[in-house]
Amino acid sequence: MDNKILRKLFLGFIQIHILHHAKEEPVYGSWMLEELHEHGYEMSSGTLYPILHNMEKDGLLSKEESNVNGKIRKYYRTTEKGAFILSEAQSKAYELFKEIKD
């Protein structure tokens, strides 16, 4: 199987996953990495952090920095635009799931 093709396909799933959790509560990189690993996405922080930064740059996430035990932790939250995109993605994913489930 071509991992490069799967990575491209799963990038959209990963972004939807991030938007979902960041809408529920602020998330930070290492927590999100663990969450994605629990769902079978094998990636490093070197892959995840650029995704978070690009989603912020695209206006899907907002970032707030907080001092946690002397280190700056970046918390990400879904923006209004991100929530709209998430809603659109959810309906498309549901439609696709219904079509391919059998």
N, C-alpha and C. Protein backbone atom coordinates (compact mmCIF):
# COMPACT_ATOMS: atom_id res chain seq x y z
N MET A 1 0.85 -1.18 0.00
CA MET A 1 0.00 0.00 0.00
C MET A 1 0.90 1.24 0.00
N ASP A 2 0.48 2.24 -0.71
CA ASP A 2 1.25 3.47 -0.83
C ASP A 2 0.92 4.39 0.35
N ASN A 3 1.85 4.49 1.30
CA ASN A 3 1.63 5.31 2.50
C ASN A 3 1.43 6.79 2.18
N LYS A 4 2.06 7.26 1.11
CA LYS A 4 1.93 8.67 0.74
C LYS A 4 0.48 9.01 0.37
N ILE A 5 -0.16 8.12 -0.34
CA ILE A 5 -1.56 8.34 -0.73
C ILE A 5 -2.46 8.30 0.51
N LEU A 6 -2.22 7.32 1.39
CA LEU A 6 -3.02 7.24 2.62
C LEU A 6 -2.84 8.47 3.48
N ARG A 7 -1.62 8.97 3.59
CA ARG A 7 -1.36 10.17 4.40
C ARG A 7 -2.14 11.36 3.86
N LYS A 8 -2.17 11.50 2.53
CA LYS A 8 -2.92 12.60 1.93
C LYS A 8 -4.42 12.46 2.24
N LEU A 9 -4.92 11.25 2.12
CA LEU A 9 -6.34 11.01 2.39
C LEU A 9 -6.67 11.27 3.85
N PHE A 10 -5.84 10.76 4.75
CA PHE A 10 -6.10 10.87 6.17
C PHE A 10 -5.90 12.28 6.71
N LEU A 11 -5.18 13.14 5.99
CA LEU A 11 -4.98 14.52 6.44
C LEU A 11 -6.32 15.21 6.67
N GLY A 12 -7.27 15.02 5.78
CA GLY A 12 -8.59 15.61 5.96
C GLY A 12 -9.29 15.07 7.19
N PHE A 13 -9.17 13.74 7.41
CA PHE A 13 -9.78 13.14 8.60
C PHE A 13 -9.15 13.71 9.87
N ILE A 14 -7.86 13.87 9.84
CA ILE A 14 -7.13 14.40 11.00
C ILE A 14 -7.61 15.82 11.31
N GLN A 15 -7.74 16.63 10.28
CA GLN A 15 -8.18 18.01 10.48
C GLN A 15 -9.61 18.06 11.04
N ILE A 16 -10.47 17.18 10.56
CA ILE A 16 -11.84 17.12 11.09
C ILE A 16 -11.79 16.71 12.56
N HIS A 17 -10.95 15.75 12.87
CA HIS A 17 -10.79 15.28 14.25
C HIS A 17 -10.34 16.43 15.15
N ILE A 18 -9.38 17.19 14.68
CA ILE A 18 -8.86 18.34 15.45
C ILE A 18 -9.97 19.37 15.66
N LEU A 19 -10.68 19.71 14.60
CA LEU A 19 -11.77 20.69 14.72
C LEU A 19 -12.82 20.22 15.71
N HIS A 20 -13.16 18.95 15.66
CA HIS A 20 -14.16 18.39 16.57
C HIS A 20 -13.75 18.59 18.03
N HIS A 21 -12.54 18.17 18.37
CA HIS A 21 -12.10 18.26 19.76
C HIS A 21 -11.88 19.71 20.20
N ALA A 22 -11.34 20.53 19.30
CA ALA A 22 -11.08 21.93 19.63
C ALA A 22 -12.37 22.72 19.76
N LYS A 23 -13.46 22.20 19.22
CA LYS A 23 -14.77 22.85 19.40
C LYS A 23 -15.32 22.54 20.79
N GLU A 24 -15.06 21.32 21.27
CA GLU A 24 -15.55 20.90 22.59
C GLU A 24 -14.82 21.60 23.71
N GLU A 25 -13.49 21.72 23.58
CA GLU A 25 -12.66 22.38 24.59
C GLU A 25 -11.30 22.68 23.97
N PRO A 26 -10.56 23.63 24.52
CA PRO A 26 -9.23 23.92 23.97
C PRO A 26 -8.33 22.68 24.04
N VAL A 27 -7.57 22.47 22.97
CA VAL A 27 -6.65 21.33 22.91
C VAL A 27 -5.23 21.84 22.71
N TYR A 28 -4.27 21.03 23.11
CA TYR A 28 -2.86 21.36 22.86
C TYR A 28 -2.21 20.18 22.15
N GLY A 29 -1.09 20.45 21.55
CA GLY A 29 -0.45 19.50 20.64
C GLY A 29 -0.21 18.11 21.18
N SER A 30 0.43 17.98 22.34
CA SER A 30 0.75 16.64 22.82
C SER A 30 -0.51 15.85 23.17
N TRP A 31 -1.54 16.52 23.68
CA TRP A 31 -2.80 15.83 23.95
C TRP A 31 -3.43 15.36 22.65
N MET A 32 -3.43 16.24 21.64
CA MET A 32 -4.02 15.89 20.35
C MET A 32 -3.27 14.74 19.70
N LEU A 33 -1.96 14.72 19.85
CA LEU A 33 -1.14 13.64 19.31
C LEU A 33 -1.54 12.31 19.93
N GLU A 34 -1.72 12.29 21.25
CA GLU A 34 -2.16 11.07 21.93
C GLU A 34 -3.55 10.65 21.46
N GLU A 35 -4.45 11.60 21.34
CA GLU A 35 -5.81 11.32 20.89
C GLU A 35 -5.80 10.70 19.50
N LEU A 36 -5.02 11.27 18.61
CA LEU A 36 -4.94 10.73 17.25
C LEU A 36 -4.32 9.34 17.24
N HIS A 37 -3.31 9.11 18.08
CA HIS A 37 -2.71 7.78 18.17
C HIS A 37 -3.74 6.75 18.63
N GLU A 38 -4.61 7.14 19.56
CA GLU A 38 -5.66 6.23 20.04
C GLU A 38 -6.60 5.82 18.92
N HIS A 39 -6.70 6.65 17.90
CA HIS A 39 -7.58 6.35 16.77
C HIS A 39 -6.82 5.79 15.57
N GLY A 40 -5.57 5.39 15.80
CA GLY A 40 -4.80 4.71 14.77
C GLY A 40 -4.01 5.58 13.83
N TYR A 41 -3.95 6.87 14.09
CA TYR A 41 -3.14 7.76 13.26
C TYR A 41 -1.73 7.80 13.82
N GLU A 42 -0.78 7.27 13.06
CA GLU A 42 0.61 7.27 13.49
C GLU A 42 1.30 8.50 12.91
N MET A 43 1.59 9.43 13.76
CA MET A 43 2.26 10.65 13.31
C MET A 43 3.13 11.18 14.43
N SER A 44 4.07 12.00 14.06
CA SER A 44 4.96 12.61 15.04
C SER A 44 4.52 14.05 15.29
N SER A 45 5.11 14.65 16.31
CA SER A 45 4.81 16.06 16.58
C SER A 45 5.28 16.92 15.41
N GLY A 46 6.32 16.48 14.72
CA GLY A 46 6.83 17.21 13.56
C GLY A 46 5.85 17.23 12.41
N THR A 47 4.88 16.34 12.43
CA THR A 47 3.81 16.33 11.43
C THR A 47 2.60 17.09 11.95
N LEU A 48 2.25 16.88 13.22
CA LEU A 48 1.05 17.50 13.78
C LEU A 48 1.16 19.02 13.90
N TYR A 49 2.28 19.52 14.42
CA TYR A 49 2.36 20.97 14.67
C TYR A 49 2.22 21.82 13.40
N PRO A 50 2.81 21.42 12.29
CA PRO A 50 2.54 22.20 11.07
C PRO A 50 1.07 22.17 10.64
N ILE A 51 0.38 21.05 10.91
CA ILE A 51 -1.06 20.98 10.60
C ILE A 51 -1.80 22.00 11.45
N LEU A 52 -1.51 22.03 12.76
CA LEU A 52 -2.15 23.00 13.66
C LEU A 52 -1.86 24.43 13.21
N HIS A 53 -0.60 24.71 12.87
CA HIS A 53 -0.22 26.06 12.45
C HIS A 53 -0.95 26.46 11.17
N ASN A 54 -1.05 25.52 10.22
CA ASN A 54 -1.74 25.83 8.96
C ASN A 54 -3.23 26.04 9.19
N MET A 55 -3.82 25.25 10.08
CA MET A 55 -5.24 25.43 10.39
C MET A 55 -5.48 26.79 11.06
N GLU A 56 -4.53 27.21 11.88
CA GLU A 56 -4.62 28.54 12.49
C GLU A 56 -4.50 29.62 11.41
N LYS A 57 -3.52 29.45 10.54
CA LYS A 57 -3.29 30.41 9.45
C LYS A 57 -4.52 30.52 8.54
N ASP A 58 -5.22 29.39 8.35
CA ASP A 58 -6.42 29.38 7.50
C ASP A 58 -7.66 29.88 8.22
N GLY A 59 -7.51 30.24 9.50
CA GLY A 59 -8.62 30.79 10.25
C GLY A 59 -9.57 29.75 10.83
N LEU A 60 -9.15 28.48 10.86
CA LEU A 60 -9.99 27.41 11.40
C LEU A 60 -9.82 27.25 12.90
N LEU A 61 -8.65 27.62 13.40
CA LEU A 61 -8.33 27.53 14.82
C LEU A 61 -7.80 28.86 15.31
N SER A 62 -8.07 29.14 16.58
CA SER A 62 -7.43 30.28 17.23
C SER A 62 -6.50 29.71 18.29
N LYS A 63 -5.47 30.47 18.63
CA LYS A 63 -4.46 29.99 19.57
C LYS A 63 -4.36 30.92 20.76
N GLU A 64 -4.23 30.32 21.94
CA GLU A 64 -4.00 31.07 23.16
C GLU A 64 -2.84 30.41 23.89
N GLU A 65 -1.90 31.21 24.33
CA GLU A 65 -0.74 30.68 25.04
C GLU A 65 -0.93 30.80 26.54
N SER A 66 -0.46 29.77 27.26
CA SER A 66 -0.59 29.74 28.71
C SER A 66 0.68 29.17 29.31
N ASN A 67 1.09 29.71 30.45
CA ASN A 67 2.27 29.20 31.14
C ASN A 67 1.85 28.01 32.00
N VAL A 68 2.40 26.84 31.68
CA VAL A 68 2.10 25.61 32.42
C VAL A 68 3.43 25.06 32.94
N ASN A 69 3.60 25.12 34.25
CA ASN A 69 4.83 24.64 34.88
C ASN A 69 6.09 25.27 34.27
N GLY A 70 6.02 26.56 34.01
CA GLY A 70 7.17 27.28 33.50
C GLY A 70 7.38 27.17 31.99
N LYS A 71 6.51 26.45 31.30
CA LYS A 71 6.61 26.31 29.84
C LYS A 71 5.36 26.90 29.20
N ILE A 72 5.54 27.46 28.02
CA ILE A 72 4.41 28.02 27.29
C ILE A 72 3.72 26.90 26.52
N ARG A 73 2.43 26.73 26.82
CA ARG A 73 1.62 25.73 26.11
C ARG A 73 0.64 26.49 25.23
N LYS A 74 0.52 26.04 24.00
CA LYS A 74 -0.40 26.66 23.05
C LYS A 74 -1.69 25.85 23.00
N TYR A 75 -2.78 26.51 23.33
CA TYR A 75 -4.11 25.89 23.29
C TYR A 75 -4.83 26.36 22.03
N TYR A 76 -5.45 25.42 21.35
CA TYR A 76 -6.16 25.73 20.12
C TYR A 76 -7.65 25.51 20.31
N ARG A 77 -8.43 26.43 19.74
CA ARG A 77 -9.88 26.35 19.79
C ARG A 77 -10.43 26.57 18.39
N THR A 78 -11.53 25.90 18.09
CA THR A 78 -12.17 26.06 16.79
C THR A 78 -12.78 27.46 16.69
N THR A 79 -12.53 28.13 15.59
CA THR A 79 -13.11 29.45 15.33
C THR A 79 -14.52 29.27 14.74
N GLU A 80 -15.20 30.38 14.54
CA GLU A 80 -16.52 30.33 13.89
C GLU A 80 -16.40 29.72 12.49
N LYS A 81 -15.38 30.13 11.77
CA LYS A 81 -15.14 29.57 10.43
C LYS A 81 -14.86 28.07 10.54
N GLY A 82 -14.05 27.67 11.52
CA GLY A 82 -13.74 26.26 11.73
C GLY A 82 -14.97 25.45 12.07
N ALA A 83 -15.87 26.03 12.87
CA ALA A 83 -17.11 25.34 13.24
C ALA A 83 -17.99 25.14 12.01
N PHE A 84 -18.03 26.14 11.13
CA PHE A 84 -18.80 26.01 9.90
C PHE A 84 -18.22 24.91 9.02
N ILE A 85 -16.90 24.91 8.87
CA ILE A 85 -16.23 23.89 8.06
C ILE A 85 -16.47 22.51 8.66
N LEU A 86 -16.40 22.41 9.99
CA LEU A 86 -16.65 21.14 10.67
C LEU A 86 -18.06 20.65 10.38
N SER A 87 -19.03 21.52 10.47
CA SER A 87 -20.41 21.16 10.20
C SER A 87 -20.58 20.65 8.77
N GLU A 88 -19.98 21.33 7.82
CA GLU A 88 -20.04 20.90 6.42
C GLU A 88 -19.37 19.53 6.25
N ALA A 89 -18.22 19.35 6.88
CA ALA A 89 -17.48 18.09 6.79
C ALA A 89 -18.27 16.95 7.41
N GLN A 90 -18.94 17.23 8.54
CA GLN A 90 -19.73 16.19 9.20
C GLN A 90 -20.86 15.71 8.29
N SER A 91 -21.55 16.63 7.64
CA SER A 91 -22.65 16.19 6.79
C SER A 91 -22.14 15.43 5.57
N LYS A 92 -21.02 15.86 5.01
CA LYS A 92 -20.43 15.14 3.87
C LYS A 92 -19.92 13.76 4.31
N ALA A 93 -19.31 13.70 5.48
CA ALA A 93 -18.80 12.41 5.99
C ALA A 93 -19.96 11.45 6.24
N TYR A 94 -21.06 11.96 6.80
CA TYR A 94 -22.22 11.13 7.07
C TYR A 94 -22.80 10.59 5.77
N GLU A 95 -22.91 11.46 4.78
CA GLU A 95 -23.42 11.06 3.47
C GLU A 95 -22.52 9.99 2.85
N LEU A 96 -21.22 10.18 2.95
CA LEU A 96 -20.27 9.21 2.41
C LEU A 96 -20.36 7.89 3.15
N PHE A 97 -20.43 7.96 4.48
CA PHE A 97 -20.53 6.74 5.30
C PHE A 97 -21.75 5.93 4.90
N LYS A 98 -22.90 6.59 4.73
CA LYS A 98 -24.12 5.88 4.35
C LYS A 98 -23.92 5.16 3.00
N GLU A 99 -23.19 5.80 2.10
CA GLU A 99 -23.00 5.22 0.76
C GLU A 99 -22.03 4.04 0.77
N ILE A 100 -20.98 4.09 1.59
CA ILE A 100 -19.94 3.05 1.51
C ILE A 100 -20.01 2.01 2.62
N LYS A 101 -20.93 2.15 3.57
CA LYS A 101 -20.94 1.26 4.74
C LYS A 101 -21.17 -0.20 4.40
N ASP A 102 -21.86 -0.51 3.33
CA ASP A 102 -22.14 -1.91 3.00
C ASP A 102 -21.25 -2.46 1.92
